[in-house]
Amino acid sequence: SYEGGYKIYILWMVERLYHAAAPKL
C-alpha cells in the first residue's frame, strides 16, 4: 500500500463466487 497501512478487500455476496474462480483465492 502507498502509505504502508492496511489494505482491505470487501467481497460482496461471496456465495456467488464462481467455482472455477474460487481456487485462485
PDB file of all heavy atoms in Angstrom:
ATOM      1  N   SER A   1       0.834  -1.200   0.000  1.00  0.00           N
ATOM      2  CA  SER A   1       0.000   0.000   0.000  1.00  0.00           C
ATOM      3  C   SER A   1       0.874   1.258   0.000  1.00  0.00           C
ATOM      4  O   SER A   1       2.005   1.250   0.495  1.00  0.00           O
ATOM      5  CB  SER A   1      -0.925   0.016   1.222  1.00  0.00           C
ATOM      6  OG  SER A   1      -0.172   0.053   2.411  1.00  0.00           O
ATOM      7  N   TYR A   2       0.340   2.342  -0.558  1.00  0.00           N
ATOM      8  CA  TYR A   2       1.115   3.563  -0.803  1.00  0.00           C
ATOM      9  C   TYR A   2       1.749   4.112   0.475  1.00  0.00           C
ATOM     10  O   TYR A   2       2.911   4.513   0.498  1.00  0.00           O
ATOM     11  CB  TYR A   2       0.206   4.606  -1.443  1.00  0.00           C
ATOM     12  CG  TYR A   2       0.902   5.926  -1.740  1.00  0.00           C
ATOM     13  CD1 TYR A   2       1.853   6.010  -2.757  1.00  0.00           C
ATOM     14  CD2 TYR A   2       0.625   7.065  -1.001  1.00  0.00           C
ATOM     15  CE1 TYR A   2       2.497   7.206  -3.036  1.00  0.00           C
ATOM     16  CE2 TYR A   2       1.265   8.262  -1.260  1.00  0.00           C
ATOM     17  CZ  TYR A   2       2.205   8.328  -2.277  1.00  0.00           C
ATOM     18  OH  TYR A   2       2.846   9.517  -2.540  1.00  0.00           O
ATOM     19  N   GLU A   3       0.979   4.125   1.566  1.00  0.00           N
ATOM     20  CA  GLU A   3       1.490   4.688   2.816  1.00  0.00           C
ATOM     21  C   GLU A   3       1.865   3.603   3.823  1.00  0.00           C
ATOM     22  O   GLU A   3       2.099   3.882   4.998  1.00  0.00           O
ATOM     23  CB  GLU A   3       0.456   5.636   3.430  1.00  0.00           C
ATOM     24  CG  GLU A   3       0.198   6.873   2.576  1.00  0.00           C
ATOM     25  CD  GLU A   3      -0.765   7.846   3.238  1.00  0.00           C
ATOM     26  OE1 GLU A   3      -1.373   7.470   4.258  1.00  0.00           O
ATOM     27  OE2 GLU A   3      -0.908   8.965   2.748  1.00  0.00           O
ATOM     28  N   GLY A   4       1.905   2.364   3.375  1.00  0.00           N
ATOM     29  CA  GLY A   4       2.333   1.280   4.252  1.00  0.00           C
ATOM     30  C   GLY A   4       1.291   0.853   5.271  1.00  0.00           C
ATOM     31  O   GLY A   4       1.610   0.118   6.210  1.00  0.00           O
ATOM     32  N   GLY A   5       0.030   1.303   5.100  1.00  0.00           N
ATOM     33  CA  GLY A   5      -1.038   0.925   6.033  1.00  0.00           C
ATOM     34  C   GLY A   5      -1.741  -0.348   5.592  1.00  0.00           C
ATOM     35  O   GLY A   5      -1.248  -1.095   4.742  1.00  0.00           O
ATOM     36  N   TYR A   6      -2.896  -0.581   6.172  1.00  0.00           N
ATOM     37  CA  TYR A   6      -3.653  -1.786   5.858  1.00  0.00           C
ATOM     38  C   TYR A   6      -4.318  -1.684   4.485  1.00  0.00           C
ATOM     39  O   TYR A   6      -4.731  -0.611   4.057  1.00  0.00           O
ATOM     40  CB  TYR A   6      -4.732  -2.034   6.911  1.00  0.00           C
ATOM     41  CG  TYR A   6      -4.245  -2.801   8.113  1.00  0.00           C
ATOM     42  CD1 TYR A   6      -3.711  -2.143   9.214  1.00  0.00           C
ATOM     43  CD2 TYR A   6      -4.318  -4.186   8.144  1.00  0.00           C
ATOM     44  CE1 TYR A   6      -3.258  -2.851  10.325  1.00  0.00           C
ATOM     45  CE2 TYR A   6      -3.877  -4.906   9.250  1.00  0.00           C
ATOM     46  CZ  TYR A   6      -3.347  -4.234  10.330  1.00  0.00           C
ATOM     47  OH  TYR A   6      -2.911  -4.942  11.405  1.00  0.00           O
ATOM     48  N   LYS A   7      -4.408  -2.834   3.826  1.00  0.00           N
ATOM     49  CA  LYS A   7      -5.222  -2.969   2.617  1.00  0.00           C
ATOM     50  C   LYS A   7      -6.431  -3.835   2.987  1.00  0.00           C
ATOM     51  O   LYS A   7      -6.272  -4.884   3.608  1.00  0.00           O
ATOM     52  CB  LYS A   7      -4.435  -3.640   1.492  1.00  0.00           C
ATOM     53  CG  LYS A   7      -3.317  -2.787   0.913  1.00  0.00           C
ATOM     54  CD  LYS A   7      -2.588  -3.518  -0.210  1.00  0.00           C
ATOM     55  CE  LYS A   7      -1.825  -4.706   0.354  1.00  0.00           C
ATOM     56  NZ  LYS A   7      -1.031  -5.387  -0.712  1.00  0.00           N
ATOM     57  N   ILE A   8      -7.588  -3.356   2.617  1.00  0.00           N
ATOM     58  CA  ILE A   8      -8.818  -4.071   2.978  1.00  0.00           C
ATOM     59  C   ILE A   8      -9.605  -4.391   1.704  1.00  0.00           C
ATOM     60  O   ILE A   8      -9.904  -3.490   0.913  1.00  0.00           O
ATOM     61  CB  ILE A   8      -9.695  -3.241   3.939  1.00  0.00           C
ATOM     62  CG1 ILE A   8      -8.905  -2.918   5.217  1.00  0.00           C
ATOM     63  CG2 ILE A   8     -10.978  -3.996   4.280  1.00  0.00           C
ATOM     64  CD1 ILE A   8      -9.629  -1.994   6.165  1.00  0.00           C
ATOM     65  N   TYR A   9      -9.939  -5.654   1.534  1.00  0.00           N
ATOM     66  CA  TYR A   9     -10.729  -6.090   0.386  1.00  0.00           C
ATOM     67  C   TYR A   9     -12.095  -6.551   0.895  1.00  0.00           C
ATOM     68  O   TYR A   9     -12.177  -7.366   1.812  1.00  0.00           O
ATOM     69  CB  TYR A   9     -10.040  -7.247  -0.343  1.00  0.00           C
ATOM     70  CG  TYR A   9      -8.706  -6.888  -0.948  1.00  0.00           C
ATOM     71  CD1 TYR A   9      -7.531  -7.000  -0.203  1.00  0.00           C
ATOM     72  CD2 TYR A   9      -8.620  -6.417  -2.257  1.00  0.00           C
ATOM     73  CE1 TYR A   9      -6.307  -6.663  -0.753  1.00  0.00           C
ATOM     74  CE2 TYR A   9      -7.400  -6.078  -2.816  1.00  0.00           C
ATOM     75  CZ  TYR A   9      -6.244  -6.201  -2.053  1.00  0.00           C
ATOM     76  OH  TYR A   9      -5.034  -5.858  -2.594  1.00  0.00           O
ATOM     77  N   ILE A  10     -13.137  -6.023   0.282  1.00  0.00           N
ATOM     78  CA  ILE A  10     -14.500  -6.419   0.653  1.00  0.00           C
ATOM     79  C   ILE A  10     -15.113  -7.161  -0.535  1.00  0.00           C
ATOM     80  O   ILE A  10     -15.278  -6.588  -1.613  1.00  0.00           O
ATOM     81  CB  ILE A  10     -15.369  -5.201   1.027  1.00  0.00           C
ATOM     82  CG1 ILE A  10     -14.740  -4.452   2.216  1.00  0.00           C
ATOM     83  CG2 ILE A  10     -16.785  -5.643   1.361  1.00  0.00           C
ATOM     84  CD1 ILE A  10     -15.481  -3.187   2.598  1.00  0.00           C
ATOM     85  N   LEU A  11     -15.432  -8.422  -0.339  1.00  0.00           N
ATOM     86  CA  LEU A  11     -16.051  -9.241  -1.389  1.00  0.00           C
ATOM     87  C   LEU A  11     -17.522  -9.427  -1.048  1.00  0.00           C
ATOM     88  O   LEU A  11     -17.872 -10.139  -0.100  1.00  0.00           O
ATOM     89  CB  LEU A  11     -15.353 -10.607  -1.499  1.00  0.00           C
ATOM     90  CG  LEU A  11     -14.063 -10.677  -2.308  1.00  0.00           C
ATOM     91  CD1 LEU A  11     -12.970  -9.830  -1.677  1.00  0.00           C
ATOM     92  CD2 LEU A  11     -13.589 -12.120  -2.432  1.00  0.00           C
ATOM     93  N   TRP A  12     -18.358  -8.766  -1.824  1.00  0.00           N
ATOM     94  CA  TRP A  12     -19.800  -8.782  -1.576  1.00  0.00           C
ATOM     95  C   TRP A  12     -20.441 -10.012  -2.221  1.00  0.00           C
ATOM     96  O   TRP A  12     -20.111 -10.371  -3.339  1.00  0.00           O
ATOM     97  CB  TRP A  12     -20.418  -7.504  -2.163  1.00  0.00           C
ATOM     98  CG  TRP A  12     -21.828  -7.270  -1.751  1.00  0.00           C
ATOM     99  CD1 TRP A  12     -22.952  -7.623  -2.441  1.00  0.00           C
ATOM    100  CD2 TRP A  12     -22.277  -6.625  -0.554  1.00  0.00           C
ATOM    101  NE1 TRP A  12     -24.078  -7.246  -1.737  1.00  0.00           N
ATOM    102  CE2 TRP A  12     -23.684  -6.633  -0.576  1.00  0.00           C
ATOM    103  CE3 TRP A  12     -21.616  -6.057   0.528  1.00  0.00           C
ATOM    104  CZ2 TRP A  12     -24.454  -6.081   0.437  1.00  0.00           C
ATOM    105  CZ3 TRP A  12     -22.386  -5.507   1.538  1.00  0.00           C
ATOM    106  CH2 TRP A  12     -23.781  -5.520   1.488  1.00  0.00           C
ATOM    107  N   MET A  13     -21.379 -10.650  -1.511  1.00  0.00           N
ATOM    108  CA  MET A  13     -22.093 -11.834  -1.992  1.00  0.00           C
ATOM    109  C   MET A  13     -21.112 -12.936  -2.407  1.00  0.00           C
ATOM    110  O   MET A  13     -21.139 -13.458  -3.518  1.00  0.00           O
ATOM    111  CB  MET A  13     -23.004 -11.469  -3.171  1.00  0.00           C
ATOM    112  CG  MET A  13     -24.079 -10.465  -2.826  1.00  0.00           C
ATOM    113  SD  MET A  13     -25.279 -11.083  -1.615  1.00  0.00           S
ATOM    114  CE  MET A  13     -26.244 -12.202  -2.614  1.00  0.00           C
ATOM    115  N   VAL A  14     -20.231 -13.294  -1.485  1.00  0.00           N
ATOM    116  CA  VAL A  14     -19.177 -14.264  -1.788  1.00  0.00           C
ATOM    117  C   VAL A  14     -19.740 -15.655  -2.092  1.00  0.00           C
ATOM    118  O   VAL A  14     -19.066 -16.484  -2.720  1.00  0.00           O
ATOM    119  CB  VAL A  14     -18.164 -14.316  -0.625  1.00  0.00           C
ATOM    120  CG1 VAL A  14     -18.769 -15.022   0.590  1.00  0.00           C
ATOM    121  CG2 VAL A  14     -16.874 -14.996  -1.054  1.00  0.00           C
ATOM    122  N   GLU A  15     -20.985 -15.922  -1.695  1.00  0.00           N
ATOM    123  CA  GLU A  15     -21.577 -17.228  -2.005  1.00  0.00           C
ATOM    124  C   GLU A  15     -21.826 -17.395  -3.505  1.00  0.00           C
ATOM    125  O   GLU A  15     -22.100 -18.494  -3.990  1.00  0.00           O
ATOM    126  CB  GLU A  15     -22.883 -17.449  -1.216  1.00  0.00           C
ATOM    127  CG  GLU A  15     -24.019 -16.521  -1.591  1.00  0.00           C
ATOM    128  CD  GLU A  15     -24.099 -15.316  -0.676  1.00  0.00           C
ATOM    129  OE1 GLU A  15     -23.041 -14.733  -0.398  1.00  0.00           O
ATOM    130  OE2 GLU A  15     -25.206 -14.970  -0.248  1.00  0.00           O
ATOM    131  N   ARG A  16     -21.735 -16.291  -4.265  1.00  0.00           N
ATOM    132  CA  ARG A  16     -21.914 -16.359  -5.715  1.00  0.00           C
ATOM    133  C   ARG A  16     -20.586 -16.433  -6.469  1.00  0.00           C
ATOM    134  O   ARG A  16     -20.561 -16.321  -7.691  1.00  0.00           O
ATOM    135  CB  ARG A  16     -22.713 -15.142  -6.200  1.00  0.00           C
ATOM    136  CG  ARG A  16     -24.126 -15.097  -5.640  1.00  0.00           C
ATOM    137  CD  ARG A  16     -24.948 -13.996  -6.254  1.00  0.00           C
ATOM    138  NE  ARG A  16     -26.276 -13.947  -5.673  1.00  0.00           N
ATOM    139  CZ  ARG A  16     -27.223 -13.095  -6.046  1.00  0.00           C
ATOM    140  NH1 ARG A  16     -26.967 -12.193  -6.973  1.00  0.00           N
ATOM    141  NH2 ARG A  16     -28.405 -13.113  -5.471  1.00  0.00           N
ATOM    142  N   LEU A  17     -19.513 -16.610  -5.755  1.00  0.00           N
ATOM    143  CA  LEU A  17     -18.201 -16.736  -6.375  1.00  0.00           C
ATOM    144  C   LEU A  17     -18.179 -17.970  -7.283  1.00  0.00           C
ATOM    145  O   LEU A  17     -18.602 -19.050  -6.879  1.00  0.00           O
ATOM    146  CB  LEU A  17     -17.130 -16.877  -5.284  1.00  0.00           C
ATOM    147  CG  LEU A  17     -15.675 -16.972  -5.735  1.00  0.00           C
ATOM    148  CD1 LEU A  17     -15.218 -15.639  -6.308  1.00  0.00           C
ATOM    149  CD2 LEU A  17     -14.786 -17.360  -4.556  1.00  0.00           C
ATOM    150  N   TYR A  18     -17.744 -17.781  -8.508  1.00  0.00           N
ATOM    151  CA  TYR A  18     -17.695 -18.888  -9.457  1.00  0.00           C
ATOM    152  C   TYR A  18     -16.817 -20.019  -8.914  1.00  0.00           C
ATOM    153  O   TYR A  18     -15.744 -19.771  -8.367  1.00  0.00           O
ATOM    154  CB  TYR A  18     -17.131 -18.431 -10.798  1.00  0.00           C
ATOM    155  CG  TYR A  18     -18.052 -17.574 -11.631  1.00  0.00           C
ATOM    156  CD1 TYR A  18     -19.299 -17.162 -11.136  1.00  0.00           C
ATOM    157  CD2 TYR A  18     -17.700 -17.167 -12.908  1.00  0.00           C
ATOM    158  CE1 TYR A  18     -20.141 -16.374 -11.895  1.00  0.00           C
ATOM    159  CE2 TYR A  18     -18.540 -16.377 -13.677  1.00  0.00           C
ATOM    160  CZ  TYR A  18     -19.760 -15.988 -13.166  1.00  0.00           C
ATOM    161  OH  TYR A  18     -20.589 -15.200 -13.917  1.00  0.00           O
ATOM    162  N   HIS A  19     -17.246 -21.257  -9.117  1.00  0.00           N
ATOM    163  CA  HIS A  19     -16.473 -22.400  -8.635  1.00  0.00           C
ATOM    164  C   HIS A  19     -15.091 -22.434  -9.279  1.00  0.00           C
ATOM    165  O   HIS A  19     -14.114 -22.818  -8.644  1.00  0.00           O
ATOM    166  CB  HIS A  19     -17.224 -23.710  -8.927  1.00  0.00           C
ATOM    167  CG  HIS A  19     -18.378 -23.933  -7.998  1.00  0.00           C
ATOM    168  ND1 HIS A  19     -18.510 -25.090  -7.262  1.00  0.00           N
ATOM    169  CD2 HIS A  19     -19.446 -23.160  -7.665  1.00  0.00           C
ATOM    170  CE1 HIS A  19     -19.611 -25.026  -6.529  1.00  0.00           C
ATOM    171  NE2 HIS A  19     -20.198 -23.865  -6.766  1.00  0.00           N
ATOM    172  N   ALA A  20     -15.021 -22.045 -10.538  1.00  0.00           N
ATOM    173  CA  ALA A  20     -13.735 -22.055 -11.233  1.00  0.00           C
ATOM    174  C   ALA A  20     -12.796 -20.976 -10.711  1.00  0.00           C
ATOM    175  O   ALA A  20     -11.573 -21.095 -10.808  1.00  0.00           O
ATOM    176  CB  ALA A  20     -13.962 -21.866 -12.735  1.00  0.00           C
ATOM    177  N   ALA A  21     -13.384 -19.901 -10.143  1.00  0.00           N
ATOM    178  CA  ALA A  21     -12.571 -18.778  -9.662  1.00  0.00           C
ATOM    179  C   ALA A  21     -12.088 -18.979  -8.236  1.00  0.00           C
ATOM    180  O   ALA A  21     -11.038 -18.448  -7.848  1.00  0.00           O
ATOM    181  CB  ALA A  21     -13.375 -17.482  -9.753  1.00  0.00           C
ATOM    182  N   ALA A  22     -12.824 -19.735  -7.449  1.00  0.00           N
ATOM    183  CA  ALA A  22     -12.508 -19.901  -6.027  1.00  0.00           C
ATOM    184  C   ALA A  22     -11.080 -20.370  -5.754  1.00  0.00           C
ATOM    185  O   ALA A  22     -10.405 -19.829  -4.872  1.00  0.00           O
ATOM    186  CB  ALA A  22     -13.513 -20.854  -5.383  1.00  0.00           C
ATOM    187  N   PRO A  23     -10.571 -21.394  -6.495  1.00  0.00           N
ATOM    188  CA  PRO A  23      -9.203 -21.861  -6.211  1.00  0.00           C
ATOM    189  C   PRO A  23      -8.144 -20.764  -6.318  1.00  0.00           C
ATOM    190  O   PRO A  23      -7.100 -20.847  -5.665  1.00  0.00           O
ATOM    191  CB  PRO A  23      -8.985 -22.944  -7.272  1.00  0.00           C
ATOM    192  CG  PRO A  23     -10.354 -23.431  -7.596  1.00  0.00           C
ATOM    193  CD  PRO A  23     -11.222 -22.220  -7.515  1.00  0.00           C
ATOM    194  N   LYS A  24      -8.422 -19.749  -7.117  1.00  0.00           N
ATOM    195  CA  LYS A  24      -7.475 -18.647  -7.282  1.00  0.00           C
ATOM    196  C   LYS A  24      -7.225 -17.917  -5.968  1.00  0.00           C
ATOM    197  O   LYS A  24      -6.128 -17.404  -5.719  1.00  0.00           O
ATOM    198  CB  LYS A  24      -8.016 -17.646  -8.319  1.00  0.00           C
ATOM    199  CG  LYS A  24      -7.861 -18.082  -9.760  1.00  0.00           C
ATOM    200  CD  LYS A  24      -6.496 -17.682 -10.287  1.00  0.00           C
ATOM    201  CE  LYS A  24      -6.380 -17.934 -11.777  1.00  0.00           C
ATOM    202  NZ  LYS A  24      -5.027 -17.575 -12.258  1.00  0.00           N
ATOM    203  N   LEU A  25      -8.270 -17.855  -5.119  1.00  0.00           N
ATOM    204  CA  LEU A  25      -8.177 -17.060  -3.898  1.00  0.00           C
ATOM    205  C   LEU A  25      -7.748 -17.859  -2.669  1.00  0.00           C
ATOM    206  O   LEU A  25      -7.425 -17.274  -1.636  1.00  0.00           O
ATOM    207  CB  LEU A  25      -9.532 -16.395  -3.601  1.00  0.00           C
ATOM    208  CG  LEU A  25      -9.948 -15.214  -4.474  1.00  0.00           C
ATOM    209  CD1 LEU A  25     -11.323 -14.732  -4.044  1.00  0.00           C
ATOM    210  CD2 LEU A  25      -8.941 -14.084  -4.370  1.00  0.00           C
TER     211      LEU A  25
END
